[in-house]
C-alpha atoms as a PDB file:
ATOM      1  CA  MET A   1      -2.727  19.618 -24.224  1.00  0.00           C
ATOM      2  CA  ILE A   2      -1.721  16.331 -25.837  1.00  0.00           C
ATOM      3  CA  PRO A   3      -1.678  16.634 -29.643  1.00  0.00           C
ATOM      4  CA  TYR A   4      -4.285  14.626 -31.533  1.00  0.00           C
ATOM      5  CA  GLY A   5      -3.093  11.108 -32.234  1.00  0.00           C
ATOM      6  CA  VAL A   6      -0.384  11.148 -29.545  1.00  0.00           C
ATOM      7  CA  LYS A   7      -1.011   8.656 -26.761  1.00  0.00           C
ATOM      8  CA  SER A   8      -0.804  10.055 -23.234  1.00  0.00           C
ATOM      9  CA  GLN A   9       2.054   8.696 -21.101  1.00  0.00           C
ATOM     10  CA  ILE A  10      -0.014   9.222 -17.960  1.00  0.00           C
ATOM     11  CA  PRO A  11      -1.781   5.966 -17.009  1.00  0.00           C
ATOM     12  CA  THR A  12      -5.501   6.016 -16.353  1.00  0.00           C
ATOM     13  CA  PRO A  13      -6.045   5.768 -12.567  1.00  0.00           C
ATOM     14  CA  GLN A  14      -7.583   2.572 -11.257  1.00  0.00           C
ATOM     15  CA  GLN A  15     -11.045   2.676  -9.650  1.00  0.00           C
ATOM     16  CA  TYR A  16     -12.528   0.682  -6.784  1.00  0.00           C
ATOM     17  CA  VAL A  17     -15.904   0.577  -5.039  1.00  0.00           C
ATOM     18  CA  CYS A  18     -15.373   0.114  -1.293  1.00  0.00           C
ATOM     19  CA  SER A  19     -18.365  -1.565   0.329  1.00  0.00           C
ATOM     20  CA  SER A  20     -19.396  -1.094   3.932  1.00  0.00           C
ATOM     21  CA  SER A  21     -18.764  -3.815   6.488  1.00  0.00           C
ATOM     22  CA  ILE A  22     -21.662  -4.867   8.682  1.00  0.00           C
ATOM     23  CA  GLY A  23     -19.998  -7.478  10.872  1.00  0.00           C
ATOM     24  CA  GLU A  24     -17.001  -7.111  13.160  1.00  0.00           C
ATOM     25  CA  LEU A  25     -13.587  -7.835  11.677  1.00  0.00           C
ATOM     26  CA  LYS A  26     -10.787  -9.454  13.662  1.00  0.00           C
ATOM     27  CA  ILE A  27      -7.591  -7.760  12.517  1.00  0.00           C
ATOM     28  CA  ASP A  28      -5.215 -10.708  12.411  1.00  0.00           C
ATOM     29  CA  GLY A  29      -4.174 -11.013   8.778  1.00  0.00           C
ATOM     30  CA  ILE A  30      -6.539 -13.952   8.254  1.00  0.00           C
ATOM     31  CA  LEU A  31      -9.258 -12.885   5.827  1.00  0.00           C
ATOM     32  CA  THR A  32     -11.872 -15.505   6.620  1.00  0.00           C
ATOM     33  CA  GLU A  33     -14.729 -13.213   7.689  1.00  0.00           C
ATOM     34  CA  GLU A  34     -17.784 -13.155   5.441  1.00  0.00           C
ATOM     35  CA  GLU A  35     -17.334  -9.413   4.879  1.00  0.00           C
ATOM     36  CA  TRP A  36     -13.908  -9.924   3.326  1.00  0.00           C
ATOM     37  CA  GLY A  37     -15.374 -12.647   1.160  1.00  0.00           C
ATOM     38  CA  HIS A  38     -17.789 -10.122  -0.344  1.00  0.00           C
ATOM     39  CA  ALA A  39     -15.104  -7.465  -0.935  1.00  0.00           C
ATOM     40  CA  GLU A  40     -13.576  -7.574  -4.388  1.00  0.00           C
ATOM     41  CA  TRP A  41      -9.854  -7.776  -4.989  1.00  0.00           C
ATOM     42  CA  THR A  42      -8.178  -4.971  -6.874  1.00  0.00           C
ATOM     43  CA  ASN A  43      -6.500  -5.766 -10.146  1.00  0.00           C
ATOM     44  CA  ASP A  44      -3.088  -7.341  -9.679  1.00  0.00           C
ATOM     45  CA  PHE A  45      -0.386  -4.765  -9.034  1.00  0.00           C
ATOM     46  CA  VAL A  46       1.777  -3.610 -11.954  1.00  0.00           C
ATOM     47  CA  ASP A  47       5.122  -1.862 -12.243  1.00  0.00           C
ATOM     48  CA  ILE A  48       5.022   1.734 -11.029  1.00  0.00           C
ATOM     49  CA  GLU A  49       5.864   2.911 -14.565  1.00  0.00           C
ATOM     50  CA  GLY A  50       2.997   0.910 -16.044  1.00  0.00           C
ATOM     51  CA  ASP A  51       3.284  -0.762 -19.434  1.00  0.00           C
ATOM     52  CA  LYS A  52       6.793   0.607 -19.944  1.00  0.00           C
ATOM     53  CA  LYS A  53       8.121  -2.141 -17.681  1.00  0.00           C
ATOM     54  CA  PRO A  54       7.556  -5.916 -17.420  1.00  0.00           C
ATOM     55  CA  LYS A  55       4.831  -7.340 -15.222  1.00  0.00           C
ATOM     56  CA  PRO A  56       5.850  -7.984 -11.599  1.00  0.00           C
ATOM     57  CA  THR A  57       7.559 -11.249 -10.777  1.00  0.00           C
ATOM     58  CA  TYR A  58       5.211 -11.920  -7.854  1.00  0.00           C
ATOM     59  CA  ARG A  59       1.503 -11.278  -7.449  1.00  0.00           C
ATOM     60  CA  THR A  60       0.146  -8.546  -5.171  1.00  0.00           C
ATOM     61  CA  ARG A  61      -3.479  -7.505  -4.752  1.00  0.00           C
ATOM     62  CA  ALA A  62      -5.585  -5.654  -2.182  1.00  0.00           C
ATOM     63  CA  LYS A  63      -9.167  -5.191  -1.051  1.00  0.00           C
ATOM     64  CA  MET A  64     -10.967  -2.595   1.062  1.00  0.00           C
ATOM     65  CA  LEU A  65     -13.951  -2.192   3.402  1.00  0.00           C
ATOM     66  CA  TRP A  66     -15.275   0.553   5.664  1.00  0.00           C
ATOM     67  CA  ASP A  67     -17.664   1.173   8.546  1.00  0.00           C
ATOM     68  CA  ASP A  68     -18.413   4.127  10.801  1.00  0.00           C
ATOM     69  CA  GLN A  69     -15.158   3.677  12.749  1.00  0.00           C
ATOM     70  CA  TYR A  70     -12.490   2.340  10.410  1.00  0.00           C
ATOM     71  CA  PHE A  71     -11.122   2.163   6.895  1.00  0.00           C
ATOM     72  CA  TYR A  72      -9.984  -1.417   6.330  1.00  0.00           C
ATOM     73  CA  VAL A  73      -7.270  -2.531   3.925  1.00  0.00           C
ATOM     74  CA  ALA A  74      -6.069  -6.058   3.269  1.00  0.00           C
ATOM     75  CA  ALA A  75      -3.320  -7.179   0.921  1.00  0.00           C
ATOM     76  CA  GLU A  76      -2.197 -10.575  -0.303  1.00  0.00           C
ATOM     77  CA  ILE A  77       1.521 -10.588  -1.142  1.00  0.00           C
ATOM     78  CA  GLU A  78       3.201 -13.470  -2.950  1.00  0.00           C
ATOM     79  CA  GLU A  79       6.804 -13.792  -1.774  1.00  0.00           C
ATOM     80  CA  PRO A  80       9.088 -16.868  -1.838  1.00  0.00           C
ATOM     81  CA  HIS A  81      11.645 -15.283   0.508  1.00  0.00           C
ATOM     82  CA  LEU A  82      10.022 -13.658   3.566  1.00  0.00           C
ATOM     83  CA  TRP A  83      12.431 -11.012   4.821  1.00  0.00           C
ATOM     84  CA  ALA A  84      12.026  -8.300   7.459  1.00  0.00           C
ATOM     85  CA  THR A  85      14.353  -7.110  10.221  1.00  0.00           C
ATOM     86  CA  TYR A  86      13.231  -3.551  11.060  1.00  0.00           C
ATOM     87  CA  ASP A  87      11.370  -3.631  14.369  1.00  0.00           C
ATOM     88  CA  GLN A  88      11.322   0.040  15.414  1.00  0.00           C
ATOM     89  CA  ARG A  89       8.329   2.228  14.561  1.00  0.00           C
ATOM     90  CA  ASP A  90       9.048   4.945  11.987  1.00  0.00           C
ATOM     91  CA  ALA A  91      12.149   3.220  10.658  1.00  0.00           C
ATOM     92  CA  VAL A  92      12.520   3.722   6.910  1.00  0.00           C
ATOM     93  CA  ILE A  93      10.665   0.509   6.143  1.00  0.00           C
ATOM     94  CA  TYR A  94      11.062   0.623   2.350  1.00  0.00           C
ATOM     95  CA  HIS A  95      14.782  -0.038   2.721  1.00  0.00           C
ATOM     96  CA  GLU A  96      13.524  -3.615   3.058  1.00  0.00           C
ATOM     97  CA  ASN A  97      10.512  -5.344   1.471  1.00  0.00           C
ATOM     98  CA  ASP A  98       7.217  -3.743   2.466  1.00  0.00           C
ATOM     99  CA  PHE A  99       3.588  -2.885   1.689  1.00  0.00           C
ATOM    100  CA  GLU A 100       2.526   0.777   1.522  1.00  0.00           C
ATOM    101  CA  VAL A 101      -0.748   2.725   1.682  1.00  0.00           C
ATOM    102  CA  PHE A 102      -1.190   6.308   0.418  1.00  0.00           C
ATOM    103  CA  ILE A 103      -4.354   8.300   1.175  1.00  0.00           C
ATOM    104  CA  ASP A 104      -5.343  11.790   0.005  1.00  0.00           C
ATOM    105  CA  PRO A 105      -8.851  12.301   1.422  1.00  0.00           C
ATOM    106  CA  ASP A 106      -9.855  15.416  -0.513  1.00  0.00           C
ATOM    107  CA  GLY A 107      -7.789  14.757  -3.640  1.00  0.00           C
ATOM    108  CA  ASP A 108      -6.016  18.122  -3.627  1.00  0.00           C
ATOM    109  CA  THR A 109      -2.503  16.523  -3.605  1.00  0.00           C
ATOM    110  CA  HIS A 110      -1.723  18.213  -0.269  1.00  0.00           C
ATOM    111  CA  GLN A 111      -2.059  16.959   3.326  1.00  0.00           C
ATOM    112  CA  TYR A 112      -2.022  13.254   2.633  1.00  0.00           C
ATOM    113  CA  TYR A 113      -0.968  10.141   4.523  1.00  0.00           C
ATOM    114  CA  GLU A 114       1.539   7.378   3.992  1.00  0.00           C
ATOM    115  CA  LEU A 115       1.763   4.100   5.890  1.00  0.00           C
ATOM    116  CA  GLU A 116       4.415   1.433   5.354  1.00  0.00           C
ATOM    117  CA  ILE A 117       4.454  -1.990   7.019  1.00  0.00           C
ATOM    118  CA  ASN A 118       6.752  -5.004   6.813  1.00  0.00           C
ATOM    119  CA  ALA A 119       6.287  -8.701   7.499  1.00  0.00           C
ATOM    120  CA  LEU A 120       7.159  -8.156  11.174  1.00  0.00           C
ATOM    121  CA  GLY A 121       4.244  -5.722  11.459  1.00  0.00           C
ATOM    122  CA  THR A 122       6.580  -2.754  11.970  1.00  0.00           C
ATOM    123  CA  VAL A 123       4.960   0.506  10.846  1.00  0.00           C
ATOM    124  CA  TRP A 124       6.175   3.817   9.480  1.00  0.00           C
ATOM    125  CA  ASP A 125       3.281   6.292   9.299  1.00  0.00           C
ATOM    126  CA  LEU A 126       3.633   9.922   8.356  1.00  0.00           C
ATOM    127  CA  LEU A 127       1.759  13.016   7.218  1.00  0.00           C
ATOM    128  CA  LEU A 128       2.872  14.893   4.104  1.00  0.00           C
ATOM    129  CA  ILE A 129       1.855  18.550   4.037  1.00  0.00           C
ATOM    130  CA  LYS A 130       2.560  18.562   0.295  1.00  0.00           C
ATOM    131  CA  PRO A 131       4.507  16.356  -2.126  1.00  0.00           C
ATOM    132  CA  TYR A 132       8.296  16.246  -1.906  1.00  0.00           C
ATOM    133  CA  ARG A 133       8.484  17.919  -5.326  1.00  0.00           C
ATOM    134  CA  ASP A 134       6.899  20.990  -3.708  1.00  0.00           C
ATOM    135  CA  GLY A 135       9.316  21.023  -0.772  1.00  0.00           C
ATOM    136  CA  ALA A 136       7.101  19.050   1.551  1.00  0.00           C
ATOM    137  CA  PRO A 137       7.881  18.522   5.184  1.00  0.00           C
ATOM    138  CA  ALA A 138       7.250  14.892   6.100  1.00  0.00           C
ATOM    139  CA  ILE A 139       5.944  14.710   9.671  1.00  0.00           C
ATOM    140  CA  ASP A 140       7.252  11.436  11.082  1.00  0.00           C
ATOM    141  CA  ALA A 141       5.877  12.247  14.530  1.00  0.00           C
ATOM    142  CA  TRP A 142       2.328  11.989  13.151  1.00  0.00           C
ATOM    143  CA  ASP A 143       0.834   8.605  14.017  1.00  0.00           C
ATOM    144  CA  ILE A 144      -2.357   6.784  13.118  1.00  0.00           C
ATOM    145  CA  ALA A 145      -3.406   6.524  16.746  1.00  0.00           C
ATOM    146  CA  GLY A 146      -5.576   3.471  17.297  1.00  0.00           C
ATOM    147  CA  LEU A 147      -4.245   1.698  14.212  1.00  0.00           C
ATOM    148  CA  LYS A 148      -4.982  -2.031  14.207  1.00  0.00           C
ATOM    149  CA  LYS A 149      -2.737  -4.332  12.202  1.00  0.00           C
ATOM    150  CA  GLY A 150      -2.477  -8.054  11.585  1.00  0.00           C
ATOM    151  CA  ILE A 151       0.126 -10.075   9.709  1.00  0.00           C
ATOM    152  CA  LYS A 152      -0.216 -13.691   8.571  1.00  0.00           C
ATOM    153  CA  LEU A 153       2.988 -15.314   7.342  1.00  0.00           C
ATOM    154  CA  ASN A 154       2.596 -18.145   4.887  1.00  0.00           C
ATOM    155  CA  GLY A 155       6.105 -19.424   5.447  1.00  0.00           C
ATOM    156  CA  THR A 156       9.040 -18.759   7.747  1.00  0.00           C
ATOM    157  CA  LEU A 157      10.570 -15.335   8.213  1.00  0.00           C
ATOM    158  CA  ASN A 158      14.264 -14.750   7.475  1.00  0.00           C
ATOM    159  CA  ASN A 159      14.923 -18.403   6.676  1.00  0.00           C
ATOM    160  CA  PRO A 160      16.714 -18.861   3.337  1.00  0.00           C
ATOM    161  CA  SER A 161      16.731 -22.660   3.675  1.00  0.00           C
ATOM    162  CA  ASP A 162      13.109 -22.953   2.536  1.00  0.00           C
ATOM    163  CA  SER A 163      10.682 -21.428   0.060  1.00  0.00           C
ATOM    164  CA  ASP A 164       7.671 -19.408   1.266  1.00  0.00           C
ATOM    165  CA  ALA A 165       4.258 -18.615  -0.201  1.00  0.00           C
ATOM    166  CA  GLY A 166       4.013 -15.020   0.996  1.00  0.00           C
ATOM    167  CA  TRP A 167       2.250 -12.921   3.605  1.00  0.00           C
ATOM    168  CA  THR A 168      -1.065 -11.215   4.207  1.00  0.00           C
ATOM    169  CA  VAL A 169      -1.495  -7.830   5.858  1.00  0.00           C
ATOM    170  CA  GLU A 170      -4.729  -6.487   7.368  1.00  0.00           C
ATOM    171  CA  LEU A 171      -5.151  -2.903   8.568  1.00  0.00           C
ATOM    172  CA  ALA A 172      -7.884  -0.945  10.341  1.00  0.00           C
ATOM    173  CA  MET A 173      -7.288   2.826  10.288  1.00  0.00           C
ATOM    174  CA  PRO A 174      -9.596   4.978  12.450  1.00  0.00           C
ATOM    175  CA  TRP A 175     -11.534   7.751  10.755  1.00  0.00           C
ATOM    176  CA  SER A 176     -10.891   9.821  13.880  1.00  0.00           C
ATOM    177  CA  ILE A 177      -7.312  10.193  12.588  1.00  0.00           C
ATOM    178  CA  LEU A 178      -7.813  10.028   8.822  1.00  0.00           C
ATOM    179  CA  ASN A 179     -10.415  12.784   9.021  1.00  0.00           C
ATOM    180  CA  GLU A 180      -7.708  15.277   9.912  1.00  0.00           C
ATOM    181  CA  ALA A 181      -7.295  16.008   6.183  1.00  0.00           C
ATOM    182  CA  ALA A 182     -10.774  14.942   5.057  1.00  0.00           C
ATOM    183  CA  PRO A 183     -13.325  17.333   3.564  1.00  0.00           C
ATOM    184  CA  ASN A 184     -14.984  19.151   6.462  1.00  0.00           C
ATOM    185  CA  GLY A 185     -13.087  16.837   8.830  1.00  0.00           C
ATOM    186  CA  LYS A 186     -15.820  14.194   8.558  1.00  0.00           C
ATOM    187  CA  ASN A 187     -16.150  10.502   7.796  1.00  0.00           C
ATOM    188  CA  PRO A 188     -16.804   9.753   4.142  1.00  0.00           C
ATOM    189  CA  GLU A 189     -20.389   9.100   3.154  1.00  0.00           C
ATOM    190  CA  ALA A 190     -21.691   6.672   0.548  1.00  0.00           C
ATOM    191  CA  GLY A 191     -20.864   8.172  -2.840  1.00  0.00           C
ATOM    192  CA  ASP A 192     -17.758  10.054  -1.671  1.00  0.00           C
ATOM    193  CA  THR A 193     -14.462   9.365  -3.442  1.00  0.00           C
ATOM    194  CA  TRP A 194     -10.938   9.556  -1.994  1.00  0.00           C
ATOM    195  CA  ARG A 195      -7.612   9.300  -3.836  1.00  0.00           C
ATOM    196  CA  ILE A 196      -5.735   6.188  -2.661  1.00  0.00           C
ATOM    197  CA  ASN A 197      -2.884   4.045  -3.886  1.00  0.00           C
ATOM    198  CA  PHE A 198      -0.916   1.020  -2.739  1.00  0.00           C
ATOM    199  CA  SER A 199       2.686   0.144  -3.352  1.00  0.00           C
ATOM    200  CA  ARG A 200       4.901  -2.834  -2.726  1.00  0.00           C
ATOM    201  CA  VAL A 201       8.686  -2.461  -2.529  1.00  0.00           C
ATOM    202  CA  ASN A 202      10.561  -5.639  -3.371  1.00  0.00           C
ATOM    203  CA  TRP A 203      14.344  -6.052  -3.330  1.00  0.00           C
ATOM    204  CA  GLN A 204      16.439  -8.761  -4.941  1.00  0.00           C
ATOM    205  CA  THR A 205      17.881 -10.769  -2.072  1.00  0.00           C
ATOM    206  CA  GLU A 206      20.131 -13.748  -1.470  1.00  0.00           C
ATOM    207  CA  GLY A 207      20.559 -16.039   1.499  1.00  0.00           C
ATOM    208  CA  THR A 208      23.410 -15.539   3.933  1.00  0.00           C
ATOM    209  CA  GLY A 209      23.031 -18.729   5.968  1.00  0.00           C
ATOM    210  CA  THR A 210      21.428 -16.833   8.829  1.00  0.00           C
ATOM    211  CA  GLY A 211      19.029 -14.624   6.864  1.00  0.00           C
ATOM    212  CA  TYR A 212      18.932 -12.487   3.748  1.00  0.00           C
ATOM    213  CA  LYS A 213      20.827  -9.557   2.302  1.00  0.00           C
ATOM    214  CA  LYS A 214      20.317  -7.413  -0.770  1.00  0.00           C
ATOM    215  CA  LYS A 215      21.868  -8.851  -3.899  1.00  0.00           C
ATOM    216  CA  ILE A 216      24.796  -6.769  -5.117  1.00  0.00           C
ATOM    217  CA  ASN A 217      25.274  -5.729  -8.732  1.00  0.00           C
ATOM    218  CA  PRO A 218      28.931  -6.585  -9.486  1.00  0.00           C
ATOM    219  CA  GLU A 219      29.140  -3.767 -12.038  1.00  0.00           C
ATOM    220  CA  THR A 220      28.298  -1.066  -9.481  1.00  0.00           C
ATOM    221  CA  ASN A 221      29.090  -2.836  -6.200  1.00  0.00           C
ATOM    222  CA  GLN A 222      25.701  -1.539  -4.998  1.00  0.00           C
ATOM    223  CA  PRO A 223      22.411  -3.351  -4.408  1.00  0.00           C
ATOM    224  CA  TYR A 224      20.237  -3.806  -7.466  1.00  0.00           C
ATOM    225  CA  PRO A 225      17.454  -1.172  -7.578  1.00  0.00           C
ATOM    226  CA  GLU A 226      14.256  -2.158  -5.825  1.00  0.00           C
ATOM    227  CA  PHE A 227      11.097  -3.057  -7.691  1.00  0.00           C
ATOM    228  CA  ASN A 228       8.086  -0.795  -7.129  1.00  0.00           C
ATOM    229  CA  TRP A 229       4.819  -2.606  -7.805  1.00  0.00           C
ATOM    230  CA  VAL A 230       1.620  -0.597  -7.409  1.00  0.00           C
ATOM    231  CA  TRP A 231      -2.145  -0.800  -7.744  1.00  0.00           C
ATOM    232  CA  SER A 232      -2.567   2.328  -9.880  1.00  0.00           C
ATOM    233  CA  PRO A 233       0.521   2.995 -12.050  1.00  0.00           C
ATOM    234  CA  GLN A 234       2.205   6.369 -11.813  1.00  0.00           C
ATOM    235  CA  GLY A 235       3.935   6.425 -15.189  1.00  0.00           C
ATOM    236  CA  VAL A 236       7.203   7.380 -13.469  1.00  0.00           C
ATOM    237  CA  ILE A 237       9.139   6.134 -10.448  1.00  0.00           C
ATOM    238  CA  ALA A 238       7.425   8.520  -8.048  1.00  0.00           C
ATOM    239  CA  MET A 239       4.753   7.497  -5.543  1.00  0.00           C
ATOM    240  CA  HIS A 240       4.361  11.045  -4.240  1.00  0.00           C
ATOM    241  CA  GLN A 241       2.268  12.089  -7.221  1.00  0.00           C
ATOM    242  CA  PRO A 242      -1.256  11.996  -5.743  1.00  0.00           C
ATOM    243  CA  GLU A 243      -2.932  13.181  -8.932  1.00  0.00           C
ATOM    244  CA  THR A 244      -2.254   9.753 -10.490  1.00  0.00           C
ATOM    245  CA  TRP A 245      -3.418   7.639  -7.553  1.00  0.00           C
ATOM    246  CA  GLY A 246      -6.531   5.494  -7.803  1.00  0.00           C
ATOM    247  CA  TYR A 247     -10.115   6.523  -7.064  1.00  0.00           C
ATOM    248  CA  VAL A 248     -11.862   4.733  -4.189  1.00  0.00           C
ATOM    249  CA  THR A 249     -15.598   5.371  -3.925  1.00  0.00           C
ATOM    250  CA  PHE A 250     -17.364   4.452  -0.696  1.00  0.00           C
ATOM    251  CA  ALA A 251     -20.679   2.608  -0.959  1.00  0.00           C
ATOM    252  CA  ASN A 252     -23.217   0.951   1.272  1.00  0.00           C
ATOM    253  CA  SER A 253     -23.296  -2.831   0.986  1.00  0.00           C
ATOM    254  CA  SER A 254     -26.716  -2.686  -0.640  1.00  0.00           C
ATOM    255  CA  THR A 255     -25.547  -0.179  -3.254  1.00  0.00           C
ATOM    256  CA  LYS A 256     -22.288  -1.827  -4.296  1.00  0.00           C
END
């Protein structure tokens, strides 16, 4: 129990109402469909530790939709230096800049999903039986079969000679896979709430003439630590803490 008058260090989880999509979405990273226009953006991402750290240098925000087949996620990522080289599925994508999705369908902090994607559209998707703090096995062989993904680059990739605007990612994840850890193994219904969070890993980089590399701290001779910018702050540098992820409640379009 937190003593009276002592402010909790655990941030309040963000909340989002995810409306249903009626029309068909083309998963190409271009969010021009009317359905996306009706979906609200999340609050801008903040540092993973919350108010203890400065606001992110670059803006990141996301929005969500759903229908009877897919859970849709889109993110708009401001980035003046588009950088991605990993092109093999299930590479450790966060060793470069990326966007990440975390989903715990029943909110019990066990059997949850993680998906990471970079500006090349390379994916690392895995199933966590339980958090790493509890000795979790991470099942890299687990895939979101039928995943649809689209990337729109607003600039040129791996070109340090210019300045970019950023990139947009669009995902469609089939319920047929996500339901593996869902309550009763079923699609969510209007009124149901899942625990979800989003993260963006951003490294300090510098141009090499032919691309980018991580900027080195001369005091340690190691790369500067990455930034972790998230939708719902964790309070600590630890994404695998599902109890502090956001709440996403599914709703019919007419009941948003």
